[in-house]
PDB file of all heavy atoms in Angstrom:
ATOM      1  N   THR A   1      -9.053 -32.853  11.621  1.00  0.00           N
ATOM      2  CA  THR A   1      -7.727 -32.384  11.216  1.00  0.00           C
ATOM      3  C   THR A   1      -7.835 -31.188  10.277  1.00  0.00           C
ATOM      4  O   THR A   1      -7.107 -30.201  10.429  1.00  0.00           O
ATOM      5  CB  THR A   1      -6.935 -33.528  10.548  1.00  0.00           C
ATOM      6  OG1 THR A   1      -6.831 -34.609  11.483  1.00  0.00           O
ATOM      7  CG2 THR A   1      -5.551 -33.078  10.123  1.00  0.00           C
ATOM      8  N   ASP A   2      -8.752 -31.248   9.340  1.00  0.00           N
ATOM      9  CA  ASP A   2      -8.933 -30.132   8.402  1.00  0.00           C
ATOM     10  C   ASP A   2      -9.403 -28.877   9.136  1.00  0.00           C
ATOM     11  O   ASP A   2      -8.907 -27.775   8.877  1.00  0.00           O
ATOM     12  CB  ASP A   2      -9.912 -30.524   7.300  1.00  0.00           C
ATOM     13  CG  ASP A   2      -9.916 -29.520   6.164  1.00  0.00           C
ATOM     14  OD1 ASP A   2      -8.817 -29.111   5.726  1.00  0.00           O
ATOM     15  OD2 ASP A   2     -11.022 -29.134   5.712  1.00  0.00           O
ATOM     16  N   ALA A   3     -10.349 -29.027  10.049  1.00  0.00           N
ATOM     17  CA  ALA A   3     -10.840 -27.874  10.813  1.00  0.00           C
ATOM     18  C   ALA A   3      -9.730 -27.289  11.689  1.00  0.00           C
ATOM     19  O   ALA A   3      -9.612 -26.064  11.814  1.00  0.00           O
ATOM     20  CB  ALA A   3     -12.041 -28.277  11.662  1.00  0.00           C
ATOM     21  N   ALA A   4      -8.908 -28.148  12.274  1.00  0.00           N
ATOM     22  CA  ALA A   4      -7.788 -27.666  13.092  1.00  0.00           C
ATOM     23  C   ALA A   4      -6.779 -26.917  12.230  1.00  0.00           C
ATOM     24  O   ALA A   4      -6.278 -25.853  12.624  1.00  0.00           O
ATOM     25  CB  ALA A   4      -7.115 -28.843  13.805  1.00  0.00           C
ATOM     26  N   ASN A   5      -6.497 -27.446  11.054  1.00  0.00           N
ATOM     27  CA  ASN A   5      -5.568 -26.775  10.136  1.00  0.00           C
ATOM     28  C   ASN A   5      -6.121 -25.428   9.669  1.00  0.00           C
ATOM     29  O   ASN A   5      -5.376 -24.453   9.554  1.00  0.00           O
ATOM     30  CB  ASN A   5      -5.248 -27.666   8.938  1.00  0.00           C
ATOM     31  CG  ASN A   5      -4.373 -28.833   9.309  1.00  0.00           C
ATOM     32  OD1 ASN A   5      -3.659 -28.804  10.298  1.00  0.00           O
ATOM     33  ND2 ASN A   5      -4.426 -29.884   8.514  1.00  0.00           N
ATOM     34  N   GLU A   6      -7.425 -25.381   9.407  1.00  0.00           N
ATOM     35  CA  GLU A   6      -8.045 -24.119   8.999  1.00  0.00           C
ATOM     36  C   GLU A   6      -7.918 -23.078  10.106  1.00  0.00           C
ATOM     37  O   GLU A   6      -7.525 -21.932   9.857  1.00  0.00           O
ATOM     38  CB  GLU A   6      -9.515 -24.334   8.656  1.00  0.00           C
ATOM     39  CG  GLU A   6     -10.233 -23.042   8.309  1.00  0.00           C
ATOM     40  CD  GLU A   6     -11.708 -23.210   8.035  1.00  0.00           C
ATOM     41  OE1 GLU A   6     -12.306 -24.209   8.489  1.00  0.00           O
ATOM     42  OE2 GLU A   6     -12.279 -22.334   7.366  1.00  0.00           O
ATOM     43  N   ALA A   7      -8.237 -23.471  11.332  1.00  0.00           N
ATOM     44  CA  ALA A   7      -8.148 -22.532  12.453  1.00  0.00           C
ATOM     45  C   ALA A   7      -6.712 -22.050  12.650  1.00  0.00           C
ATOM     46  O   ALA A   7      -6.471 -20.855  12.840  1.00  0.00           O
ATOM     47  CB  ALA A   7      -8.675 -23.183  13.726  1.00  0.00           C
ATOM     48  N   LYS A   8      -5.762 -22.962  12.576  1.00  0.00           N
ATOM     49  CA  LYS A   8      -4.347 -22.598  12.746  1.00  0.00           C
ATOM     50  C   LYS A   8      -3.901 -21.619  11.658  1.00  0.00           C
ATOM     51  O   LYS A   8      -3.243 -20.616  11.929  1.00  0.00           O
ATOM     52  CB  LYS A   8      -3.491 -23.861  12.709  1.00  0.00           C
ATOM     53  CG  LYS A   8      -2.024 -23.631  12.941  1.00  0.00           C
ATOM     54  CD  LYS A   8      -1.259 -24.938  12.927  1.00  0.00           C
ATOM     55  CE  LYS A   8       0.215 -24.711  13.117  1.00  0.00           C
ATOM     56  NZ  LYS A   8       0.981 -25.952  13.032  1.00  0.00           N
ATOM     57  N   ASP A   9      -4.263 -21.912  10.423  1.00  0.00           N
ATOM     58  CA  ASP A   9      -3.905 -21.064   9.294  1.00  0.00           C
ATOM     59  C   ASP A   9      -4.533 -19.674   9.443  1.00  0.00           C
ATOM     60  O   ASP A   9      -3.866 -18.656   9.261  1.00  0.00           O
ATOM     61  CB  ASP A   9      -4.378 -21.740   7.997  1.00  0.00           C
ATOM     62  CG  ASP A   9      -3.751 -21.161   6.753  1.00  0.00           C
ATOM     63  OD1 ASP A   9      -2.509 -21.126   6.673  1.00  0.00           O
ATOM     64  OD2 ASP A   9      -4.512 -20.753   5.844  1.00  0.00           O
ATOM     65  N   ASN A  10      -5.807 -19.642   9.794  1.00  0.00           N
ATOM     66  CA  ASN A  10      -6.502 -18.363   9.913  1.00  0.00           C
ATOM     67  C   ASN A  10      -5.953 -17.522  11.057  1.00  0.00           C
ATOM     68  O   ASN A  10      -5.803 -16.306  10.923  1.00  0.00           O
ATOM     69  CB  ASN A  10      -8.004 -18.589  10.074  1.00  0.00           C
ATOM     70  CG  ASN A  10      -8.640 -19.094   8.804  1.00  0.00           C
ATOM     71  OD1 ASN A  10      -8.027 -19.101   7.742  1.00  0.00           O
ATOM     72  ND2 ASN A  10      -9.867 -19.543   8.898  1.00  0.00           N
ATOM     73  N   VAL A  11      -5.625 -18.165  12.179  1.00  0.00           N
ATOM     74  CA  VAL A  11      -5.034 -17.419  13.296  1.00  0.00           C
ATOM     75  C   VAL A  11      -3.700 -16.815  12.868  1.00  0.00           C
ATOM     76  O   VAL A  11      -3.416 -15.647  13.138  1.00  0.00           O
ATOM     77  CB  VAL A  11      -4.869 -18.323  14.543  1.00  0.00           C
ATOM     78  CG1 VAL A  11      -3.945 -17.688  15.574  1.00  0.00           C
ATOM     79  CG2 VAL A  11      -6.228 -18.615  15.161  1.00  0.00           C
ATOM     80  N   LYS A  12      -2.907 -17.595  12.168  1.00  0.00           N
ATOM     81  CA  LYS A  12      -1.597 -17.102  11.708  1.00  0.00           C
ATOM     82  C   LYS A  12      -1.768 -15.848  10.834  1.00  0.00           C
ATOM     83  O   LYS A  12      -1.107 -14.834  11.051  1.00  0.00           O
ATOM     84  CB  LYS A  12      -0.883 -18.200  10.912  1.00  0.00           C
ATOM     85  CG  LYS A  12       0.425 -17.759  10.285  1.00  0.00           C
ATOM     86  CD  LYS A  12       1.112 -18.879   9.546  1.00  0.00           C
ATOM     87  CE  LYS A  12       0.388 -19.194   8.256  1.00  0.00           C
ATOM     88  NZ  LYS A  12       1.088 -20.158   7.403  1.00  0.00           N
ATOM     89  N   TYR A  13      -2.667 -15.913   9.879  1.00  0.00           N
ATOM     90  CA  TYR A  13      -2.843 -14.775   8.984  1.00  0.00           C
ATOM     91  C   TYR A  13      -3.505 -13.587   9.671  1.00  0.00           C
ATOM     92  O   TYR A  13      -3.153 -12.434   9.405  1.00  0.00           O
ATOM     93  CB  TYR A  13      -3.620 -15.187   7.735  1.00  0.00           C
ATOM     94  CG  TYR A  13      -2.771 -16.009   6.799  1.00  0.00           C
ATOM     95  CD1 TYR A  13      -3.056 -17.341   6.555  1.00  0.00           C
ATOM     96  CD2 TYR A  13      -1.660 -15.456   6.178  1.00  0.00           C
ATOM     97  CE1 TYR A  13      -2.258 -18.098   5.704  1.00  0.00           C
ATOM     98  CE2 TYR A  13      -0.859 -16.202   5.334  1.00  0.00           C
ATOM     99  CZ  TYR A  13      -1.168 -17.523   5.104  1.00  0.00           C
ATOM    100  OH  TYR A  13      -0.364 -18.259   4.276  1.00  0.00           O
ATOM    101  N   LEU A  14      -4.446 -13.841  10.550  1.00  0.00           N
ATOM    102  CA  LEU A  14      -5.098 -12.732  11.249  1.00  0.00           C
ATOM    103  C   LEU A  14      -4.139 -12.049  12.220  1.00  0.00           C
ATOM    104  O   LEU A  14      -4.218 -10.831  12.406  1.00  0.00           O
ATOM    105  CB  LEU A  14      -6.358 -13.222  11.962  1.00  0.00           C
ATOM    106  CG  LEU A  14      -7.500 -13.591  11.010  1.00  0.00           C
ATOM    107  CD1 LEU A  14      -8.605 -14.319  11.757  1.00  0.00           C
ATOM    108  CD2 LEU A  14      -8.040 -12.361  10.292  1.00  0.00           C
ATOM    109  N   TYR A  15      -3.229 -12.796  12.822  1.00  0.00           N
ATOM    110  CA  TYR A  15      -2.195 -12.171  13.651  1.00  0.00           C
ATOM    111  C   TYR A  15      -1.322 -11.241  12.810  1.00  0.00           C
ATOM    112  O   TYR A  15      -0.885 -10.195  13.276  1.00  0.00           O
ATOM    113  CB  TYR A  15      -1.309 -13.213  14.336  1.00  0.00           C
ATOM    114  CG  TYR A  15      -1.723 -13.547  15.746  1.00  0.00           C
ATOM    115  CD1 TYR A  15      -1.923 -14.863  16.127  1.00  0.00           C
ATOM    116  CD2 TYR A  15      -1.899 -12.561  16.710  1.00  0.00           C
ATOM    117  CE1 TYR A  15      -2.299 -15.184  17.420  1.00  0.00           C
ATOM    118  CE2 TYR A  15      -2.268 -12.869  18.002  1.00  0.00           C
ATOM    119  CZ  TYR A  15      -2.468 -14.192  18.347  1.00  0.00           C
ATOM    120  OH  TYR A  15      -2.845 -14.498  19.631  1.00  0.00           O
ATOM    121  N   SER A  16      -1.079 -11.619  11.570  1.00  0.00           N
ATOM    122  CA  SER A  16      -0.247 -10.765  10.716  1.00  0.00           C
ATOM    123  C   SER A  16      -0.934  -9.440  10.388  1.00  0.00           C
ATOM    124  O   SER A  16      -0.270  -8.475  10.030  1.00  0.00           O
ATOM    125  CB  SER A  16       0.135 -11.503   9.429  1.00  0.00           C
ATOM    126  OG  SER A  16      -0.958 -11.582   8.542  1.00  0.00           O
ATOM    127  N   LEU A  17      -2.242  -9.395  10.535  1.00  0.00           N
ATOM    128  CA  LEU A  17      -2.985  -8.150  10.283  1.00  0.00           C
ATOM    129  C   LEU A  17      -2.985  -7.199  11.476  1.00  0.00           C
ATOM    130  O   LEU A  17      -3.295  -6.021  11.325  1.00  0.00           O
ATOM    131  CB  LEU A  17      -4.450  -8.468   9.961  1.00  0.00           C
ATOM    132  CG  LEU A  17      -4.779  -9.087   8.634  1.00  0.00           C
ATOM    133  CD1 LEU A  17      -6.282  -9.300   8.531  1.00  0.00           C
ATOM    134  CD2 LEU A  17      -4.292  -8.222   7.492  1.00  0.00           C
ATOM    135  N   GLU A  18      -2.647  -7.726  12.634  1.00  0.00           N
ATOM    136  CA  GLU A  18      -2.783  -6.957  13.863  1.00  0.00           C
ATOM    137  C   GLU A  18      -2.118  -5.583  13.798  1.00  0.00           C
ATOM    138  O   GLU A  18      -2.706  -4.587  14.199  1.00  0.00           O
ATOM    139  CB  GLU A  18      -2.212  -7.766  15.025  1.00  0.00           C
ATOM    140  CG  GLU A  18      -2.980  -7.622  16.289  1.00  0.00           C
ATOM    141  CD  GLU A  18      -2.539  -8.619  17.350  1.00  0.00           C
ATOM    142  OE1 GLU A  18      -1.471  -9.253  17.229  1.00  0.00           O
ATOM    143  OE2 GLU A  18      -3.272  -8.733  18.324  1.00  0.00           O
ATOM    144  N   LYS A  19      -0.904  -5.521  13.276  1.00  0.00           N
ATOM    145  CA  LYS A  19      -0.199  -4.235  13.242  1.00  0.00           C
ATOM    146  C   LYS A  19      -0.900  -3.238  12.319  1.00  0.00           C
ATOM    147  O   LYS A  19      -0.744  -2.038  12.465  1.00  0.00           O
ATOM    148  CB  LYS A  19       1.255  -4.427  12.834  1.00  0.00           C
ATOM    149  CG  LYS A  19       1.470  -4.920  11.418  1.00  0.00           C
ATOM    150  CD  LYS A  19       2.944  -5.109  11.133  1.00  0.00           C
ATOM    151  CE  LYS A  19       3.153  -5.741   9.776  1.00  0.00           C
ATOM    152  NZ  LYS A  19       4.517  -6.092   9.529  1.00  0.00           N
ATOM    153  N   TYR A  20      -1.695  -3.750  11.370  1.00  0.00           N
ATOM    154  CA  TYR A  20      -2.402  -2.865  10.457  1.00  0.00           C
ATOM    155  C   TYR A  20      -3.747  -2.408  11.016  1.00  0.00           C
ATOM    156  O   TYR A  20      -4.195  -1.305  10.723  1.00  0.00           O
ATOM    157  CB  TYR A  20      -2.630  -3.553   9.105  1.00  0.00           C
ATOM    158  CG  TYR A  20      -1.345  -3.894   8.402  1.00  0.00           C
ATOM    159  CD1 TYR A  20      -0.904  -5.208   8.328  1.00  0.00           C
ATOM    160  CD2 TYR A  20      -0.566  -2.908   7.820  1.00  0.00           C
ATOM    161  CE1 TYR A  20       0.283  -5.535   7.691  1.00  0.00           C
ATOM    162  CE2 TYR A  20       0.627  -3.220   7.185  1.00  0.00           C
ATOM    163  CZ  TYR A  20       1.039  -4.532   7.123  1.00  0.00           C
ATOM    164  OH  TYR A  20       2.216  -4.850   6.496  1.00  0.00           O
ATOM    165  N   TYR A  21      -4.420  -3.280  11.796  1.00  0.00           N
ATOM    166  CA  TYR A  21      -5.723  -2.847  12.301  1.00  0.00           C
ATOM    167  C   TYR A  21      -5.662  -2.243  13.701  1.00  0.00           C
ATOM    168  O   TYR A  21      -6.634  -1.648  14.149  1.00  0.00           O
ATOM    169  CB  TYR A  21      -6.791  -3.946  12.204  1.00  0.00           C
ATOM    170  CG  TYR A  21      -6.622  -5.173  13.059  1.00  0.00           C
ATOM    171  CD1 TYR A  21      -6.687  -5.112  14.444  1.00  0.00           C
ATOM    172  CD2 TYR A  21      -6.461  -6.419  12.480  1.00  0.00           C
ATOM    173  CE1 TYR A  21      -6.563  -6.247  15.219  1.00  0.00           C
ATOM    174  CE2 TYR A  21      -6.342  -7.563  13.247  1.00  0.00           C
ATOM    175  CZ  TYR A  21      -6.405  -7.463  14.618  1.00  0.00           C
ATOM    176  OH  TYR A  21      -6.292  -8.594  15.381  1.00  0.00           O
ATOM    177  N   ASP A  22      -4.534  -2.328  14.389  1.00  0.00           N
ATOM    178  CA  ASP A  22      -4.415  -1.668  15.695  1.00  0.00           C
ATOM    179  C   ASP A  22      -4.722  -0.174  15.625  1.00  0.00           C
ATOM    180  O   ASP A  22      -5.391   0.350  16.518  1.00  0.00           O
ATOM    181  CB  ASP A  22      -3.044  -1.913  16.320  1.00  0.00           C
ATOM    182  CG  ASP A  22      -2.989  -3.191  17.136  1.00  0.00           C
ATOM    183  OD1 ASP A  22      -4.066  -3.778  17.401  1.00  0.00           O
ATOM    184  OD2 ASP A  22      -1.880  -3.613  17.508  1.00  0.00           O
ATOM    185  N   PRO A  23      -4.255   0.548  14.595  1.00  0.00           N
ATOM    186  CA  PRO A  23      -4.603   1.972  14.522  1.00  0.00           C
ATOM    187  C   PRO A  23      -6.117   2.232  14.442  1.00  0.00           C
ATOM    188  O   PRO A  23      -6.583   3.292  14.848  1.00  0.00           O
ATOM    189  CB  PRO A  23      -3.912   2.453  13.241  1.00  0.00           C
ATOM    190  CG  PRO A  23      -2.775   1.513  13.057  1.00  0.00           C
ATOM    191  CD  PRO A  23      -3.278   0.190  13.558  1.00  0.00           C
ATOM    192  N   LEU A  24      -6.882   1.253  13.969  1.00  0.00           N
ATOM    193  CA  LEU A  24      -8.335   1.428  13.919  1.00  0.00           C
ATOM    194  C   LEU A  24      -8.915   1.488  15.330  1.00  0.00           C
ATOM    195  O   LEU A  24      -9.963   2.079  15.551  1.00  0.00           O
ATOM    196  CB  LEU A  24      -9.002   0.289  13.146  1.00  0.00           C
ATOM    197  CG  LEU A  24      -8.568   0.088  11.694  1.00  0.00           C
ATOM    198  CD1 LEU A  24      -9.324  -1.075  11.075  1.00  0.00           C
ATOM    199  CD2 LEU A  24      -8.771   1.345  10.881  1.00  0.00           C
ATOM    200  N   TYR A  25      -8.235   0.865  16.272  1.00  0.00           N
ATOM    201  CA  TYR A  25      -8.688   0.858  17.660  1.00  0.00           C
ATOM    202  C   TYR A  25      -8.084   2.002  18.472  1.00  0.00           C
ATOM    203  O   TYR A  25      -8.672   2.448  19.436  1.00  0.00           O
ATOM    204  CB  TYR A  25      -8.304  -0.469  18.339  1.00  0.00           C
ATOM    205  CG  TYR A  25      -9.087  -1.654  17.860  1.00  0.00           C
ATOM    206  CD1 TYR A  25      -8.645  -2.421  16.789  1.00  0.00           C
ATOM    207  CD2 TYR A  25     -10.274  -2.020  18.486  1.00  0.00           C
ATOM    208  CE1 TYR A  25      -9.368  -3.516  16.360  1.00  0.00           C
ATOM    209  CE2 TYR A  25     -11.002  -3.110  18.057  1.00  0.00           C
ATOM    210  CZ  TYR A  25     -10.547  -3.865  16.989  1.00  0.00           C
ATOM    211  OH  TYR A  25     -11.257  -4.941  16.564  1.00  0.00           O
ATOM    212  N   ASN A  26      -6.885   2.430  18.096  1.00  0.00           N
ATOM    213  CA  ASN A  26      -6.122   3.336  18.947  1.00  0.00           C
ATOM    214  C   ASN A  26      -5.917   4.738  18.395  1.00  0.00           C
ATOM    215  O   ASN A  26      -5.201   5.519  19.001  1.00  0.00           O
ATOM    216  CB  ASN A  26      -4.731   2.730  19.227  1.00  0.00           C
ATOM    217  CG  ASN A  26      -4.829   1.358  19.830  1.00  0.00           C
ATOM    218  OD1 ASN A  26      -5.695   1.103  20.646  1.00  0.00           O
ATOM    219  ND2 ASN A  26      -3.950   0.457  19.420  1.00  0.00           N
ATOM    220  N   SER A  27      -6.483   5.055  17.252  1.00  0.00           N
ATOM    221  CA  SER A  27      -6.208   6.356  16.629  1.00  0.00           C
ATOM    222  C   SER A  27      -7.496   7.120  16.355  1.00  0.00           C
ATOM    223  O   SER A  27      -8.582   6.556  16.345  1.00  0.00           O
ATOM    224  CB  SER A  27      -5.480   6.158  15.292  1.00  0.00           C
ATOM    225  OG  SER A  27      -4.285   5.456  15.472  1.00  0.00           O
ATOM    226  N   ASP A  28      -7.318   8.382  16.078  1.00  0.00           N
ATOM    227  CA  ASP A  28      -8.444   9.200  15.651  1.00  0.00           C
ATOM    228  C   ASP A  28      -8.689   8.922  14.158  1.00  0.00           C
ATOM    229  O   ASP A  28      -7.819   8.367  13.479  1.00  0.00           O
ATOM    230  CB  ASP A  28      -8.145  10.680  15.898  1.00  0.00           C
ATOM    231  CG  ASP A  28      -6.936  11.145  15.116  1.00  0.00           C
ATOM    232  OD1 ASP A  28      -5.800  11.001  15.638  1.00  0.00           O
ATOM    233  OD2 ASP A  28      -7.121  11.624  13.977  1.00  0.00           O
ATOM    234  N   PRO A  29      -9.858   9.282  13.639  1.00  0.00           N
ATOM    235  CA  PRO A  29     -10.182   8.965  12.238  1.00  0.00           C
ATOM    236  C   PRO A  29      -9.160   9.462  11.219  1.00  0.00           C
ATOM    237  O   PRO A  29      -8.874   8.771  10.249  1.00  0.00           O
ATOM    238  CB  PRO A  29     -11.543   9.637  12.024  1.00  0.00           C
ATOM    239  CG  PRO A  29     -12.152   9.648  13.383  1.00  0.00           C
ATOM    240  CD  PRO A  29     -11.004   9.864  14.334  1.00  0.00           C
ATOM    241  N   VAL A  30      -8.574  10.605  11.436  1.00  0.00           N
ATOM    242  CA  VAL A  30      -7.592  11.129  10.484  1.00  0.00           C
ATOM    243  C   VAL A  30      -6.326  10.271  10.495  1.00  0.00           C
ATOM    244  O   VAL A  30      -5.779   9.927   9.433  1.00  0.00           O
ATOM    245  CB  VAL A  30      -7.259  12.611  10.795  1.00  0.00           C
ATOM    246  CG1 VAL A  30      -6.156  13.126   9.891  1.00  0.00           C
ATOM    247  CG2 VAL A  30      -8.508  13.478  10.657  1.00  0.00           C
ATOM    248  N   SER A  31      -5.877   9.876  11.668  1.00  0.00           N
ATOM    249  CA  SER A  31      -4.671   9.046  11.781  1.00  0.00           C
ATOM    250  C   SER A  31      -4.885   7.642  11.229  1.00  0.00           C
ATOM    251  O   SER A  31      -3.945   6.982  10.790  1.00  0.00           O
ATOM    252  CB  SER A  31      -4.227   8.938  13.242  1.00  0.00           C
ATOM    253  OG  SER A  31      -3.960  10.216  13.750  1.00  0.00           O
ATOM    254  N   MET A  32      -6.132   7.193  11.269  1.00  0.00           N
ATOM    255  CA  MET A  32      -6.451   5.860  10.747  1.00  0.00           C
ATOM    256  C   MET A  32      -6.174   5.752   9.254  1.00  0.00           C
ATOM    257  O   MET A  32      -5.846   4.675   8.760  1.00  0.00           O
ATOM    258  CB  MET A  32      -7.933   5.528  10.965  1.00  0.00           C
ATOM    259  CG  MET A  32      -8.313   5.210  12.347  1.00  0.00           C
ATOM    260  SD  MET A  32     -10.076   4.860  12.332  1.00  0.00           S
ATOM    261  CE  MET A  32     -10.447   5.017  14.051  1.00  0.00           C
ATOM    262  N   LEU A  33      -6.308   6.849   8.558  1.00  0.00           N
ATOM    263  CA  LEU A  33      -6.163   6.835   7.101  1.00  0.00           C
ATOM    264  C   LEU A  33      -4.823   6.265   6.653  1.00  0.00           C
ATOM    265  O   LEU A  33      -4.745   5.580   5.642  1.00  0.00           O
ATOM    266  CB  LEU A  33      -6.344   8.240   6.528  1.00  0.00           C
ATOM    267  CG  LEU A  33      -7.762   8.784   6.559  1.00  0.00           C
ATOM    268  CD1 LEU A  33      -7.779  10.234   6.081  1.00  0.00           C
ATOM    269  CD2 LEU A  33      -8.694   7.931   5.736  1.00  0.00           C
ATOM    270  N   ASP A  34      -3.766   6.539   7.408  1.00  0.00           N
ATOM    271  CA  ASP A  34      -2.441   6.034   7.044  1.00  0.00           C
ATOM    272  C   ASP A  34      -2.361   4.507   7.092  1.00  0.00           C
ATOM    273  O   ASP A  34      -1.572   3.898   6.371  1.00  0.00           O
ATOM    274  CB  ASP A  34      -1.369   6.625   7.966  1.00  0.00           C
ATOM    275  CG  ASP A  34      -1.213   8.128   7.772  1.00  0.00           C
ATOM    276  OD1 ASP A  34      -1.572   8.628   6.679  1.00  0.00           O
ATOM    277  OD2 ASP A  34      -0.743   8.800   8.705  1.00  0.00           O
ATOM    278  N   ALA A  35      -3.175   3.885   7.957  1.00  0.00           N
ATOM    279  CA  ALA A  35      -3.118   2.432   8.128  1.00  0.00           C
ATOM    280  C   ALA A  35      -3.933   1.675   7.072  1.00  0.00           C
ATOM    281  O   ALA A  35      -3.681   0.501   6.815  1.00  0.00           O
ATOM    282  CB  ALA A  35      -3.626   2.052   9.518  1.00  0.00           C
ATOM    283  N   ILE A  36      -4.885   2.335   6.451  1.00  0.00           N
ATOM    284  CA  ILE A  36      -5.831   1.659   5.545  1.00  0.00           C
ATOM    285  C   ILE A  36      -5.148   1.004   4.336  1.00  0.00           C
ATOM    286  O   ILE A  36      -5.411  -0.169   4.060  1.00  0.00           O
ATOM    287  CB  ILE A  36      -6.946   2.629   5.085  1.00  0.00           C
ATOM    288  CG1 ILE A  36      -7.634   3.213   6.303  1.00  0.00           C
ATOM    289  CG2 ILE A  36      -7.876   1.972   4.095  1.00  0.00           C
ATOM    290  CD1 ILE A  36      -8.836   2.554   6.828  1.00  0.00           C
ATOM    291  N   PRO A  37      -4.260   1.671   3.601  1.00  0.00           N
ATOM    292  CA  PRO A  37      -3.643   0.998   2.445  1.00  0.00           C
ATOM    293  C   PRO A  37      -2.875  -0.265   2.828  1.00  0.00           C
ATOM    294  O   PRO A  37      -2.979  -1.294   2.147  1.00  0.00           O
ATOM    295  CB  PRO A  37      -2.704   2.057   1.859  1.00  0.00           C
ATOM    296  CG  PRO A  37      -3.254   3.361   2.324  1.00  0.00           C
ATOM    297  CD  PRO A  37      -3.852   3.082   3.672  1.00  0.00           C
ATOM    298  N   GLY A  38      -2.121  -0.220   3.914  1.00  0.00           N
ATOM    299  CA  GLY A  38      -1.388  -1.399   4.366  1.00  0.00           C
ATOM    300  C   GLY A  38      -2.323  -2.524   4.769  1.00  0.00           C
ATOM    301  O   GLY A  38      -2.074  -3.700   4.463  1.00  0.00           O
ATOM    302  N   LEU A  39      -3.411  -2.174   5.429  1.00  0.00           N
ATOM    303  CA  LEU A  39      -4.396  -3.167   5.846  1.00  0.00           C
ATOM    304  C   LEU A  39      -5.044  -3.835   4.637  1.00  0.00           C
ATOM    305  O   LEU A  39      -5.157  -5.065   4.573  1.00  0.00           O
ATOM    306  CB  LEU A  39      -5.455  -2.514   6.735  1.00  0.00           C
ATOM    307  CG  LEU A  39      -6.584  -3.406   7.236  1.00  0.00           C
ATOM    308  CD1 LEU A  39      -6.035  -4.564   8.054  1.00  0.00           C
ATOM    309  CD2 LEU A  39      -7.569  -2.592   8.061  1.00  0.00           C
ATOM    310  N   ILE A  40      -5.427  -3.045   3.664  1.00  0.00           N
ATOM    311  CA  ILE A  40      -6.056  -3.602   2.459  1.00  0.00           C
ATOM    312  C   ILE A  40      -5.074  -4.493   1.704  1.00  0.00           C
ATOM    313  O   ILE A  40      -5.435  -5.587   1.253  1.00  0.00           O
ATOM    314  CB  ILE A  40      -6.617  -2.472   1.570  1.00  0.00           C
ATOM    315  CG1 ILE A  40      -7.823  -1.838   2.280  1.00  0.00           C
ATOM    316  CG2 ILE A  40      -7.006  -3.008   0.196  1.00  0.00           C
ATOM    317  CD1 ILE A  40      -8.370  -0.608   1.631  1.00  0.00           C
ATOM    318  N   ASN A  41      -3.828  -4.064   1.585  1.00  0.00           N
ATOM    319  CA  ASN A  41      -2.818  -4.901   0.920  1.00  0.00           C
ATOM    320  C   ASN A  41      -2.577  -6.200   1.677  1.00  0.00           C
ATOM    321  O   ASN A  41      -2.399  -7.262   1.065  1.00  0.00           O
ATOM    322  CB  ASN A  41      -1.510  -4.137   0.740  1.00  0.00           C
ATOM    323  CG  ASN A  41      -1.593  -3.133  -0.380  1.00  0.00           C
ATOM    324  OD1 ASN A  41      -2.349  -3.299  -1.327  1.00  0.00           O
ATOM    325  ND2 ASN A  41      -0.827  -2.059  -0.261  1.00  0.00           N
TER     326      ASN A  41
END
């Protein structure tokens, strides 16, 4: 139960990061810079 809860919690939070790390996959290095502060926060 604890391991299932951990996985569920981590998936939820990592999904919330998706909009911040997508530019790391889809942008050039200069455009990535705009996404970094939001990702770190």
